[in-house]
Amino acid sequence: MDLTPLGDTKEPWTGLPIPMNNTEEALYRACTTIKLGNGEKAMFWQDNWLNGRAPKDVAPDCYKLARQKNDKVAPALQMGGWMLGLNRINTDRELHQFIDLWTQVQEV
């Protein structure tokens, strides 16, 4: 039996899910930024990897339209996968949010 901890950390709880209610999750997200490596772990829409913010906070109306809400950053960026569902944009507000988000994503 291999008891080697996951990753670089020695904490035995690494990799276990952390139960949080919506308020706790919002507080955690507000206090946490993600340093993006290869994009295989960070969640595209939910994590604060984009200039210290989560894309769903940059473009909440686009998040509602998005089809791939649980993609990691790397697959979401491949061939614009994060934009699936955004062809349904039909308001000026949604369009402005999309342009803002698209511009920031292009800088990554």
PDB file of N, CA and C in Angstrom:
ATOM      1  N   MET A   1       0.846  -1.185   0.000  1.00  0.00           N
ATOM      2  CA  MET A   1       0.000   0.000   0.000  1.00  0.00           C
ATOM      3  C   MET A   1       0.884   1.238   0.000  1.00  0.00           C
ATOM      4  N   ASP A   2       0.652   2.118  -0.967  1.00  0.00           N
ATOM      5  CA  ASP A   2       1.431   3.343  -1.100  1.00  0.00           C
ATOM      6  C   ASP A   2       0.747   4.468  -0.329  1.00  0.00           C
ATOM      7  N   LEU A   3       1.455   5.017   0.653  1.00  0.00           N
ATOM      8  CA  LEU A   3       0.904   6.109   1.455  1.00  0.00           C
ATOM      9  C   LEU A   3       1.530   7.445   1.083  1.00  0.00           C
ATOM     10  N   THR A   4       2.167   7.510  -0.067  1.00  0.00           N
ATOM     11  CA  THR A   4       2.771   8.749  -0.523  1.00  0.00           C
ATOM     12  C   THR A   4       1.683   9.786  -0.772  1.00  0.00           C
ATOM     13  N   PRO A   5       1.833  10.993  -0.202  1.00  0.00           N
ATOM     14  CA  PRO A   5       0.815  12.023  -0.412  1.00  0.00           C
ATOM     15  C   PRO A   5       0.768  12.470  -1.869  1.00  0.00           C
ATOM     16  N   LEU A   6      -0.374  13.003  -2.271  1.00  0.00           N
ATOM     17  CA  LEU A   6      -0.564  13.519  -3.618  1.00  0.00           C
ATOM     18  C   LEU A   6       0.169  14.834  -3.791  1.00  0.00           C
ATOM     19  N   GLY A   7       0.741  15.052  -4.946  1.00  0.00           N
ATOM     20  CA  GLY A   7       1.353  16.336  -5.267  1.00  0.00           C
ATOM     21  C   GLY A   7       2.543  16.657  -4.396  1.00  0.00           C
ATOM     22  N   ASP A   8       2.780  17.958  -4.156  1.00  0.00           N
ATOM     23  CA  ASP A   8       3.931  18.419  -3.400  1.00  0.00           C
ATOM     24  C   ASP A   8       3.659  18.516  -1.904  1.00  0.00           C
ATOM     25  N   THR A   9       2.452  18.314  -1.496  1.00  0.00           N
ATOM     26  CA  THR A   9       2.079  18.526  -0.110  1.00  0.00           C
ATOM     27  C   THR A   9       2.109  17.231   0.680  1.00  0.00           C
ATOM     28  N   LYS A  10       2.261  17.343   1.991  1.00  0.00           N
ATOM     29  CA  LYS A  10       2.305  16.166   2.850  1.00  0.00           C
ATOM     30  C   LYS A  10       1.029  16.001   3.664  1.00  0.00           C
ATOM     31  N   GLU A  11       0.058  16.871   3.474  1.00  0.00           N
ATOM     32  CA  GLU A  11      -1.191  16.773   4.209  1.00  0.00           C
ATOM     33  C   GLU A  11      -1.998  15.589   3.682  1.00  0.00           C
ATOM     34  N   PRO A  12      -2.501  14.729   4.575  1.00  0.00           N
ATOM     35  CA  PRO A  12      -3.235  13.541   4.132  1.00  0.00           C
ATOM     36  C   PRO A  12      -4.596  13.861   3.510  1.00  0.00           C
ATOM     37  N   TRP A  13      -5.110  15.066   3.713  1.00  0.00           N
ATOM     38  CA  TRP A  13      -6.425  15.417   3.199  1.00  0.00           C
ATOM     39  C   TRP A  13      -6.374  15.979   1.776  1.00  0.00           C
ATOM     40  N   THR A  14      -5.174  16.107   1.214  1.00  0.00           N
ATOM     41  CA  THR A  14      -5.037  16.635  -0.138  1.00  0.00           C
ATOM     42  C   THR A  14      -5.843  15.803  -1.118  1.00  0.00           C
ATOM     43  N   GLY A  15      -6.643  16.466  -1.931  1.00  0.00           N
ATOM     44  CA  GLY A  15      -7.435  15.789  -2.939  1.00  0.00           C
ATOM     45  C   GLY A  15      -8.825  15.395  -2.500  1.00  0.00           C
ATOM     46  N   LEU A  16      -9.107  15.505  -1.202  1.00  0.00           N
ATOM     47  CA  LEU A  16     -10.440  15.164  -0.715  1.00  0.00           C
ATOM     48  C   LEU A  16     -11.395  16.330  -0.978  1.00  0.00           C
ATOM     49  N   PRO A  17     -12.659  16.052  -1.260  1.00  0.00           N
ATOM     50  CA  PRO A  17     -13.622  17.144  -1.469  1.00  0.00           C
ATOM     51  C   PRO A  17     -13.871  17.901  -0.170  1.00  0.00           C
ATOM     52  N   ILE A  18     -14.080  19.190  -0.306  1.00  0.00           N
ATOM     53  CA  ILE A  18     -14.339  20.031   0.861  1.00  0.00           C
ATOM     54  C   ILE A  18     -15.803  20.448   0.811  1.00  0.00           C
ATOM     55  N   PRO A  19     -16.612  19.960   1.765  1.00  0.00           N
ATOM     56  CA  PRO A  19     -18.026  20.348   1.756  1.00  0.00           C
ATOM     57  C   PRO A  19     -18.183  21.814   2.164  1.00  0.00           C
ATOM     58  N   MET A  20     -18.863  22.598   1.323  1.00  0.00           N
ATOM     59  CA  MET A  20     -19.099  24.011   1.612  1.00  0.00           C
ATOM     60  C   MET A  20     -20.499  24.382   1.163  1.00  0.00           C
ATOM     61  N   ASN A  21     -21.132  25.262   1.930  1.00  0.00           N
ATOM     62  CA  ASN A  21     -22.399  25.807   1.460  1.00  0.00           C
ATOM     63  C   ASN A  21     -22.089  26.990   0.534  1.00  0.00           C
ATOM     64  N   ASN A  22     -23.100  27.594  -0.056  1.00  0.00           N
ATOM     65  CA  ASN A  22     -22.894  28.673  -1.028  1.00  0.00           C
ATOM     66  C   ASN A  22     -22.172  29.873  -0.432  1.00  0.00           C
ATOM     67  N   THR A  23     -22.490  30.228   0.803  1.00  0.00           N
ATOM     68  CA  THR A  23     -21.857  31.374   1.451  1.00  0.00           C
ATOM     69  C   THR A  23     -20.378  31.097   1.692  1.00  0.00           C
ATOM     70  N   GLU A  24     -20.072  29.902   2.169  1.00  0.00           N
ATOM     71  CA  GLU A  24     -18.677  29.530   2.418  1.00  0.00           C
ATOM     72  C   GLU A  24     -17.880  29.492   1.113  1.00  0.00           C
ATOM     73  N   GLU A  25     -18.509  28.977   0.072  1.00  0.00           N
ATOM     74  CA  GLU A  25     -17.827  28.925  -1.225  1.00  0.00           C
ATOM     75  C   GLU A  25     -17.560  30.329  -1.752  1.00  0.00           C
ATOM     76  N   ALA A  26     -18.525  31.226  -1.606  1.00  0.00           N
ATOM     77  CA  ALA A  26     -18.341  32.610  -2.069  1.00  0.00           C
ATOM     78  C   ALA A  26     -17.210  33.292  -1.301  1.00  0.00           C
ATOM     79  N   LEU A  27     -17.148  33.065   0.005  1.00  0.00           N
ATOM     80  CA  LEU A  27     -16.077  33.635   0.824  1.00  0.00           C
ATOM     81  C   LEU A  27     -14.725  33.067   0.398  1.00  0.00           C
ATOM     82  N   TYR A  28     -14.660  31.772   0.189  1.00  0.00           N
ATOM     83  CA  TYR A  28     -13.423  31.131  -0.259  1.00  0.00           C
ATOM     84  C   TYR A  28     -12.972  31.717  -1.594  1.00  0.00           C
ATOM     85  N   ARG A  29     -13.904  31.838  -2.546  1.00  0.00           N
ATOM     86  CA  ARG A  29     -13.555  32.372  -3.861  1.00  0.00           C
ATOM     87  C   ARG A  29     -13.103  33.823  -3.780  1.00  0.00           C
ATOM     88  N   ALA A  30     -13.704  34.595  -2.871  1.00  0.00           N
ATOM     89  CA  ALA A  30     -13.334  36.005  -2.732  1.00  0.00           C
ATOM     90  C   ALA A  30     -11.925  36.165  -2.156  1.00  0.00           C
ATOM     91  N   CYS A  31     -11.483  35.191  -1.400  1.00  0.00           N
ATOM     92  CA  CYS A  31     -10.185  35.262  -0.717  1.00  0.00           C
ATOM     93  C   CYS A  31      -9.084  34.484  -1.426  1.00  0.00           C
ATOM     94  N   THR A  32      -9.389  33.876  -2.552  1.00  0.00           N
ATOM     95  CA  THR A  32      -8.440  32.987  -3.205  1.00  0.00           C
ATOM     96  C   THR A  32      -8.217  33.392  -4.657  1.00  0.00           C
ATOM     97  N   THR A  33      -6.957  33.398  -5.055  1.00  0.00           N
ATOM     98  CA  THR A  33      -6.642  33.540  -6.466  1.00  0.00           C
ATOM     99  C   THR A  33      -5.857  32.303  -6.895  1.00  0.00           C
ATOM    100  N   ILE A  34      -5.932  32.000  -8.149  1.00  0.00           N
ATOM    101  CA  ILE A  34      -5.307  30.804  -8.697  1.00  0.00           C
ATOM    102  C   ILE A  34      -4.129  31.221  -9.565  1.00  0.00           C
ATOM    103  N   LYS A  35      -2.981  30.611  -9.327  1.00  0.00           N
ATOM    104  CA  LYS A  35      -1.847  30.801 -10.224  1.00  0.00           C
ATOM    105  C   LYS A  35      -1.955  29.698 -11.269  1.00  0.00           C
ATOM    106  N   LEU A  36      -2.247  30.088 -12.472  1.00  0.00           N
ATOM    107  CA  LEU A  36      -2.512  29.139 -13.540  1.00  0.00           C
ATOM    108  C   LEU A  36      -1.212  28.533 -14.041  1.00  0.00           C
ATOM    109  N   GLY A  37      -1.165  27.227 -14.002  1.00  0.00           N
ATOM    110  CA  GLY A  37      -0.033  26.498 -14.573  1.00  0.00           C
ATOM    111  C   GLY A  37      -0.419  26.024 -15.961  1.00  0.00           C
ATOM    112  N   ASN A  38      -0.620  24.717 -16.088  1.00  0.00           N
ATOM    113  CA  ASN A  38      -0.988  24.164 -17.393  1.00  0.00           C
ATOM    114  C   ASN A  38      -2.498  24.169 -17.617  1.00  0.00           C
ATOM    115  N   GLY A  39      -3.268  24.596 -16.620  1.00  0.00           N
ATOM    116  CA  GLY A  39      -4.714  24.703 -16.770  1.00  0.00           C
ATOM    117  C   GLY A  39      -5.472  23.401 -16.615  1.00  0.00           C
ATOM    118  N   GLU A  40      -4.818  22.357 -16.115  1.00  0.00           N
ATOM    119  CA  GLU A  40      -5.467  21.059 -15.989  1.00  0.00           C
ATOM    120  C   GLU A  40      -6.235  20.895 -14.676  1.00  0.00           C
ATOM    121  N   LYS A  41      -6.027  21.780 -13.695  1.00  0.00           N
ATOM    122  CA  LYS A  41      -6.707  21.652 -12.402  1.00  0.00           C
ATOM    123  C   LYS A  41      -7.740  22.744 -12.155  1.00  0.00           C
ATOM    124  N   ALA A  42      -7.457  23.957 -12.591  1.00  0.00           N
ATOM    125  CA  ALA A  42      -8.353  25.092 -12.326  1.00  0.00           C
ATOM    126  C   ALA A  42      -9.614  24.983 -13.179  1.00  0.00           C
ATOM    127  N   MET A  43     -10.751  25.287 -12.551  1.00  0.00           N
ATOM    128  CA  MET A  43     -12.035  25.293 -13.246  1.00  0.00           C
ATOM    129  C   MET A  43     -12.157  26.607 -14.026  1.00  0.00           C
ATOM    130  N   PHE A  44     -12.524  26.506 -15.304  1.00  0.00           N
ATOM    131  CA  PHE A  44     -12.590  27.702 -16.152  1.00  0.00           C
ATOM    132  C   PHE A  44     -13.534  28.753 -15.591  1.00  0.00           C
ATOM    133  N   TRP A  45     -14.787  28.393 -15.350  1.00  0.00           N
ATOM    134  CA  TRP A  45     -15.794  29.387 -14.956  1.00  0.00           C
ATOM    135  C   TRP A  45     -15.742  29.740 -13.479  1.00  0.00           C
ATOM    136  N   GLN A  46     -15.431  28.802 -12.597  1.00  0.00           N
ATOM    137  CA  GLN A  46     -15.595  29.015 -11.163  1.00  0.00           C
ATOM    138  C   GLN A  46     -14.369  29.564 -10.437  1.00  0.00           C
ATOM    139  N   ASP A  47     -13.163  29.228 -10.875  1.00  0.00           N
ATOM    140  CA  ASP A  47     -11.961  29.607 -10.126  1.00  0.00           C
ATOM    141  C   ASP A  47     -11.450  30.988 -10.510  1.00  0.00           C
ATOM    142  N   ASN A  48     -10.786  31.639  -9.565  1.00  0.00           N
ATOM    143  CA  ASN A  48     -10.265  33.005  -9.745  1.00  0.00           C
ATOM    144  C   ASN A  48      -8.909  33.003 -10.444  1.00  0.00           C
ATOM    145  N   TRP A  49      -8.837  32.502 -11.646  1.00  0.00           N
ATOM    146  CA  TRP A  49      -7.583  32.389 -12.377  1.00  0.00           C
ATOM    147  C   TRP A  49      -7.382  33.510 -13.394  1.00  0.00           C
ATOM    148  N   LEU A  50      -8.412  34.265 -13.700  1.00  0.00           N
ATOM    149  CA  LEU A  50      -8.357  35.286 -14.747  1.00  0.00           C
ATOM    150  C   LEU A  50      -8.186  36.666 -14.121  1.00  0.00           C
ATOM    151  N   ASN A  51      -6.944  37.104 -14.033  1.00  0.00           N
ATOM    152  CA  ASN A  51      -6.644  38.397 -13.396  1.00  0.00           C
ATOM    153  C   ASN A  51      -7.231  38.472 -11.988  1.00  0.00           C
ATOM    154  N   GLY A  52      -7.184  37.345 -11.271  1.00  0.00           N
ATOM    155  CA  GLY A  52      -7.675  37.302  -9.891  1.00  0.00           C
ATOM    156  C   GLY A  52      -9.180  37.168  -9.760  1.00  0.00           C
ATOM    157  N   ARG A  53      -9.870  36.959 -10.869  1.00  0.00           N
ATOM    158  CA  ARG A  53     -11.334  36.833 -10.841  1.00  0.00           C
ATOM    159  C   ARG A  53     -11.765  35.563 -11.554  1.00  0.00           C
ATOM    160  N   ALA A  54     -12.932  35.089 -11.204  1.00  0.00           N
ATOM    161  CA  ALA A  54     -13.531  33.948 -11.894  1.00  0.00           C
ATOM    162  C   ALA A  54     -14.291  34.468 -13.106  1.00  0.00           C
ATOM    163  N   PRO A  55     -14.167  33.800 -14.251  1.00  0.00           N
ATOM    164  CA  PRO A  55     -14.919  34.242 -15.422  1.00  0.00           C
ATOM    165  C   PRO A  55     -16.421  34.382 -15.179  1.00  0.00           C
ATOM    166  N   LYS A  56     -16.991  33.558 -14.296  1.00  0.00           N
ATOM    167  CA  LYS A  56     -18.428  33.698 -14.050  1.00  0.00           C
ATOM    168  C   LYS A  56     -18.749  34.998 -13.329  1.00  0.00           C
ATOM    169  N   ASP A  57     -17.752  35.621 -12.671  1.00  0.00           N
ATOM    170  CA  ASP A  57     -17.952  36.918 -12.044  1.00  0.00           C
ATOM    171  C   ASP A  57     -17.696  38.062 -13.032  1.00  0.00           C
ATOM    172  N   VAL A  58     -16.831  37.818 -14.012  1.00  0.00           N
ATOM    173  CA  VAL A  58     -16.553  38.807 -15.052  1.00  0.00           C
ATOM    174  C   VAL A  58     -17.750  38.919 -15.992  1.00  0.00           C
ATOM    175  N   ALA A  59     -18.349  37.758 -16.315  1.00  0.00           N
ATOM    176  CA  ALA A  59     -19.444  37.717 -17.287  1.00  0.00           C
ATOM    177  C   ALA A  59     -20.561  36.796 -16.796  1.00  0.00           C
ATOM    178  N   PRO A  60     -21.310  37.230 -15.767  1.00  0.00           N
ATOM    179  CA  PRO A  60     -22.333  36.360 -15.185  1.00  0.00           C
ATOM    180  C   PRO A  60     -23.454  35.981 -16.157  1.00  0.00           C
ATOM    181  N   ASP A  61     -23.800  36.873 -17.057  1.00  0.00           N
ATOM    182  CA  ASP A  61     -24.849  36.540 -18.027  1.00  0.00           C
ATOM    183  C   ASP A  61     -24.358  35.487 -19.026  1.00  0.00           C
ATOM    184  N   CYS A  62     -23.097  35.561 -19.392  1.00  0.00           N
ATOM    185  CA  CYS A  62     -22.514  34.555 -20.286  1.00  0.00           C
ATOM    186  C   CYS A  62     -22.407  33.211 -19.573  1.00  0.00           C
ATOM    187  N   TYR A  63     -22.091  33.243 -18.298  1.00  0.00           N
ATOM    188  CA  TYR A  63     -22.015  31.997 -17.522  1.00  0.00           C
ATOM    189  C   TYR A  63     -23.358  31.267 -17.553  1.00  0.00           C
ATOM    190  N   LYS A  64     -24.434  32.022 -17.451  1.00  0.00           N
ATOM    191  CA  LYS A  64     -25.771  31.404 -17.487  1.00  0.00           C
ATOM    192  C   LYS A  64     -26.027  30.711 -18.822  1.00  0.00           C
ATOM    193  N   LEU A  65     -25.470  31.243 -19.892  1.00  0.00           N
ATOM    194  CA  LEU A  65     -25.669  30.674 -21.227  1.00  0.00           C
ATOM    195  C   LEU A  65     -24.700  29.535 -21.541  1.00  0.00           C
ATOM    196  N   ALA A  66     -23.569  29.511 -20.858  1.00  0.00           N
ATOM    197  CA  ALA A  66     -22.516  28.543 -21.164  1.00  0.00           C
ATOM    198  C   ALA A  66     -22.993  27.114 -20.958  1.00  0.00           C
ATOM    199  N   ARG A  67     -22.551  26.235 -21.833  1.00  0.00           N
ATOM    200  CA  ARG A  67     -22.939  24.829 -21.737  1.00  0.00           C
ATOM    201  C   ARG A  67     -21.928  24.003 -20.965  1.00  0.00           C
ATOM    202  N   GLN A  68     -20.660  24.365 -21.013  1.00  0.00           N
ATOM    203  CA  GLN A  68     -19.595  23.591 -20.373  1.00  0.00           C
ATOM    204  C   GLN A  68     -19.156  24.295 -19.083  1.00  0.00           C
ATOM    205  N   LYS A  69     -19.996  24.275 -18.075  1.00  0.00           N
ATOM    206  CA  LYS A  69     -19.717  25.007 -16.840  1.00  0.00           C
ATOM    207  C   LYS A  69     -18.674  24.348 -15.942  1.00  0.00           C
ATOM    208  N   ASN A  70     -18.367  23.076 -16.161  1.00  0.00           N
ATOM    209  CA  ASN A  70     -17.436  22.364 -15.281  1.00  0.00           C
ATOM    210  C   ASN A  70     -16.117  22.013 -15.944  1.00  0.00           C
ATOM    211  N   ASP A  71     -15.818  22.632 -17.067  1.00  0.00           N
ATOM    212  CA  ASP A  71     -14.547  22.366 -17.747  1.00  0.00           C
ATOM    213  C   ASP A  71     -13.386  22.979 -16.979  1.00  0.00           C
ATOM    214  N   LYS A  72     -12.260  22.335 -17.082  1.00  0.00           N
ATOM    215  CA  LYS A  72     -11.004  22.896 -16.586  1.00  0.00           C
ATOM    216  C   LYS A  72     -10.539  23.943 -17.599  1.00  0.00           C
ATOM    217  N   VAL A  73      -9.583  24.780 -17.199  1.00  0.00           N
ATOM    218  CA  VAL A  73      -9.137  25.877 -18.057  1.00  0.00           C
ATOM    219  C   VAL A  73      -8.544  25.365 -19.369  1.00  0.00           C
ATOM    220  N   ALA A  74      -7.633  24.395 -19.307  1.00  0.00           N
ATOM    221  CA  ALA A  74      -6.951  23.931 -20.529  1.00  0.00           C
ATOM    222  C   ALA A  74      -7.936  23.457 -21.596  1.00  0.00           C
ATOM    223  N   PRO A  75      -8.831  22.516 -21.295  1.00  0.00           N
ATOM    224  CA  PRO A  75      -9.757  22.098 -22.346  1.00  0.00           C
ATOM    225  C   PRO A  75     -10.722  23.203 -22.777  1.00  0.00           C
ATOM    226  N   ALA A  76     -11.069  24.093 -21.859  1.00  0.00           N
ATOM    227  CA  ALA A  76     -11.996  25.176 -22.211  1.00  0.00           C
ATOM    228  C   ALA A  76     -11.350  26.154 -23.198  1.00  0.00           C
ATOM    229  N   LEU A  77     -10.043  26.343 -23.070  1.00  0.00           N
ATOM    230  CA  LEU A  77      -9.355  27.269 -23.967  1.00  0.00           C
ATOM    231  C   LEU A  77      -9.052  26.661 -25.328  1.00  0.00           C
ATOM    232  N   GLN A  78      -9.004  25.347 -25.393  1.00  0.00           N
ATOM    233  CA  GLN A  78      -8.719  24.692 -26.665  1.00  0.00           C
ATOM    234  C   GLN A  78      -9.861  24.933 -27.638  1.00  0.00           C
ATOM    235  N   MET A  79      -9.537  25.554 -28.721  1.00  0.00           N
ATOM    236  CA  MET A  79     -10.500  25.832 -29.790  1.00  0.00           C
ATOM    237  C   MET A  79     -11.746  26.564 -29.295  1.00  0.00           C
ATOM    238  N   GLY A  80     -11.601  27.375 -28.255  1.00  0.00           N
ATOM    239  CA  GLY A  80     -12.715  28.193 -27.777  1.00  0.00           C
ATOM    240  C   GLY A  80     -13.847  27.420 -27.149  1.00  0.00           C
ATOM    241  N   GLY A  81     -13.556  26.264 -26.553  1.00  0.00           N
ATOM    242  CA  GLY A  81     -14.600  25.427 -25.957  1.00  0.00           C
ATOM    243  C   GLY A  81     -15.433  26.131 -24.893  1.00  0.00           C
ATOM    244  N   TRP A  82     -14.862  27.130 -24.241  1.00  0.00           N
ATOM    245  CA  TRP A  82     -15.599  27.860 -23.206  1.00  0.00           C
ATOM    246  C   TRP A  82     -16.776  28.635 -23.792  1.00  0.00           C
ATOM    247  N   MET A  83     -16.758  28.861 -25.090  1.00  0.00           N
ATOM    248  CA  MET A  83     -17.806  29.649 -25.732  1.00  0.00           C
ATOM    249  C   MET A  83     -19.023  28.829 -26.148  1.00  0.00           C
ATOM    250  N   LEU A  84     -19.007  27.512 -25.916  1.00  0.00           N
ATOM    251  CA  LEU A  84     -20.159  26.689 -26.290  1.00  0.00           C
ATOM    252  C   LEU A  84     -21.418  27.191 -25.578  1.00  0.00           C
ATOM    253  N   GLY A  85     -22.430  27.467 -26.325  1.00  0.00           N
ATOM    254  CA  GLY A  85     -23.681  27.977 -25.782  1.00  0.00           C
ATOM    255  C   GLY A  85     -23.808  29.484 -25.871  1.00  0.00           C
ATOM    256  N   LEU A  86     -22.681  30.163 -26.091  1.00  0.00           N
ATOM    257  CA  LEU A  86     -22.729  31.627 -26.115  1.00  0.00           C
ATOM    258  C   LEU A  86     -23.221  32.179 -27.449  1.00  0.00           C
ATOM    259  N   ASN A  87     -23.507  31.297 -28.392  1.00  0.00           N
ATOM    260  CA  ASN A  87     -24.123  31.756 -29.635  1.00  0.00           C
ATOM    261  C   ASN A  87     -25.556  32.223 -29.390  1.00  0.00           C
ATOM    262  N   ARG A  88     -26.061  31.996 -28.179  1.00  0.00           N
ATOM    263  CA  ARG A  88     -27.414  32.443 -27.822  1.00  0.00           C
ATOM    264  C   ARG A  88     -27.429  33.855 -27.250  1.00  0.00           C
ATOM    265  N   ILE A  89     -26.288  34.530 -27.259  1.00  0.00           N
ATOM    266  CA  ILE A  89     -26.230  35.914 -26.766  1.00  0.00           C
ATOM    267  C   ILE A  89     -27.196  36.758 -27.588  1.00  0.00           C
ATOM    268  N   ASN A  90     -28.064  37.500 -26.876  1.00  0.00           N
ATOM    269  CA  ASN A  90     -29.026  38.323 -27.618  1.00  0.00           C
ATOM    270  C   ASN A  90     -29.325  39.659 -26.955  1.00  0.00           C
ATOM    271  N   THR A  91     -28.513  40.059 -25.960  1.00  0.00           N
ATOM    272  CA  THR A  91     -28.687  41.385 -25.366  1.00  0.00           C
ATOM    273  C   THR A  91     -27.360  42.133 -25.425  1.00  0.00           C
ATOM    274  N   ASP A  92     -27.445  43.451 -25.360  1.00  0.00           N
ATOM    275  CA  ASP A  92     -26.227  44.267 -25.340  1.00  0.00           C
ATOM    276  C   ASP A  92     -25.376  43.933 -24.121  1.00  0.00           C
ATOM    277  N   ARG A  93     -26.025  43.731 -22.993  1.00  0.00           N
ATOM    278  CA  ARG A  93     -25.294  43.415 -21.758  1.00  0.00           C
ATOM    279  C   ARG A  93     -24.500  42.121 -21.908  1.00  0.00           C
ATOM    280  N   GLU A  94     -25.141  41.079 -22.440  1.00  0.00           N
ATOM    281  CA  GLU A  94     -24.448  39.810 -22.658  1.00  0.00           C
ATOM    282  C   GLU A  94     -23.281  39.990 -23.621  1.00  0.00           C
ATOM    283  N   LEU A  95     -23.492  40.769 -24.675  1.00  0.00           N
ATOM    284  CA  LEU A  95     -22.451  40.999 -25.660  1.00  0.00           C
ATOM    285  C   LEU A  95     -21.266  41.743 -25.050  1.00  0.00           C
ATOM    286  N   HIS A  96     -21.525  42.774 -24.256  1.00  0.00           N
ATOM    287  CA  HIS A  96     -20.440  43.521 -23.609  1.00  0.00           C
ATOM    288  C   HIS A  96     -19.663  42.628 -22.646  1.00  0.00           C
ATOM    289  N   GLN A  97     -20.377  41.790 -21.891  1.00  0.00           N
ATOM    290  CA  GLN A  97     -19.700  40.873 -20.982  1.00  0.00           C
ATOM    291  C   GLN A  97     -18.835  39.883 -21.761  1.00  0.00           C
ATOM    292  N   PHE A  98     -19.373  39.369 -22.858  1.00  0.00           N
ATOM    293  CA  PHE A  98     -18.614  38.432 -23.679  1.00  0.00           C
ATOM    294  C   PHE A  98     -17.338  39.077 -24.204  1.00  0.00           C
ATOM    295  N   ILE A  99     -17.444  40.283 -24.724  1.00  0.00           N
ATOM    296  CA  ILE A  99     -16.269  40.977 -25.270  1.00  0.00           C
ATOM    297  C   ILE A  99     -15.232  41.206 -24.181  1.00  0.00           C
ATOM    298  N   ASP A 100     -15.666  41.614 -22.995  1.00  0.00           N
ATOM    299  CA  ASP A 100     -14.746  41.821 -21.871  1.00  0.00           C
ATOM    300  C   ASP A 100     -14.046  40.515 -21.510  1.00  0.00           C
ATOM    301  N   LEU A 101     -14.820  39.455 -21.391  1.00  0.00           N
ATOM    302  CA  LEU A 101     -14.249  38.157 -21.038  1.00  0.00           C
ATOM    303  C   LEU A 101     -13.319  37.663 -22.137  1.00  0.00           C
ATOM    304  N   TRP A 102     -13.748  37.742 -23.374  1.00  0.00           N
ATOM    305  CA  TRP A 102     -12.934  37.281 -24.503  1.00  0.00           C
ATOM    306  C   TRP A 102     -11.606  38.024 -24.538  1.00  0.00           C
ATOM    307  N   THR A 103     -11.645  39.335 -24.316  1.00  0.00           N
ATOM    308  CA  THR A 103     -10.426  40.143 -24.323  1.00  0.00           C
ATOM    309  C   THR A 103      -9.460  39.687 -23.239  1.00  0.00           C
ATOM    310  N   GLN A 104      -9.975  39.441 -22.038  1.00  0.00           N
ATOM    311  CA  GLN A 104      -9.115  39.002 -20.948  1.00  0.00           C
ATOM    312  C   GLN A 104      -8.561  37.593 -21.198  1.00  0.00           C
ATOM    313  N   VAL A 105      -9.377  36.718 -21.754  1.00  0.00           N
ATOM    314  CA  VAL A 105      -8.927  35.344 -22.035  1.00  0.00           C
ATOM    315  C   VAL A 105      -7.819  35.359 -23.084  1.00  0.00           C
ATOM    316  N   GLN A 106      -7.885  36.265 -24.054  1.00  0.00           N
ATOM    317  CA  GLN A 106      -6.864  36.349 -25.094  1.00  0.00           C
ATOM    318  C   GLN A 106      -5.481  36.688 -24.534  1.00  0.00           C
ATOM    319  N   GLU A 107      -5.438  37.326 -23.370  1.00  0.00           N
ATOM    320  CA  GLU A 107      -4.171  37.725 -22.752  1.00  0.00           C
ATOM    321  C   GLU A 107      -3.510  36.593 -21.984  1.00  0.00           C
ATOM    322  N   VAL A 108      -4.217  35.458 -21.840  1.00  0.00           N
ATOM    323  CA  VAL A 108      -3.665  34.343 -21.062  1.00  0.00           C
ATOM    324  C   VAL A 108      -2.688  33.573 -21.925  1.00  0.00           C
TER     325      VAL A 108
END
